Amino acid sequence: MYPYIKLATTLLKARKRPRLNVEDTSVLQFRPGINDIDIFGELNNARYFNYMELGRWDYSYRIGFVDVIRQKKWGLVVGGASIRYRRRIPFRKKFTLTTKVICHDNRWFYFLQEMHIGEQICSSALVKAGASSKHGLVPATEIAIALGKEGWGEEMPDWVQAWVEAEGRRPWPS
């Protein structure tokens, strides 16, 4: 089930937290509850993505993007993701989620999201996300302009470019 209560709580807290610049990092802390764990008593791999979505909502609200999508009647979309799991997150163990946009390719924004317990990284994900309108995907450059950040984020790290190219070569079912 979708975590509607966690989403509402995250957005209410985001309203009271300081605004961020596009290049800043959102930092949130959570504890996995009973609905988040698997039979081994740790955060279920699918729930990592639920928490990361909450991180993107917090970030988007705090940079003013939620205001822009409401005004323009856009929606939010995810176009792909790649995640690495390194350490378990046990039931009720506090973890930190960081979220930041590292670049865009004129179509999509690329989020780097990480979960840590203390100083140890538990997971790291690259998430390709954007906005959609009734005409289709909104170009990332148009979104950057709407946020007052024209020209920001156009330099793509090599490892992100390699991921984009690999995804482009991946066969798509017919």
Foldseek 3Di string as FASTA:
>chain_A
DQPPVLLVVLLVVLVVDAADAQQDKDKDKDFDAPVQDDPVQFGDPVVVVSVVVSRVVSNCVRLPNVVVCVVQVKAKDWDDKDKDFDDTRGGRQMKMKMWHFQAFQQQWTWIWIWIGRVPHTGMIMIITMAIADPVGGDTPQVSCVVSVNHPPRHDDDPVVVVVVVVVVPDDDDD
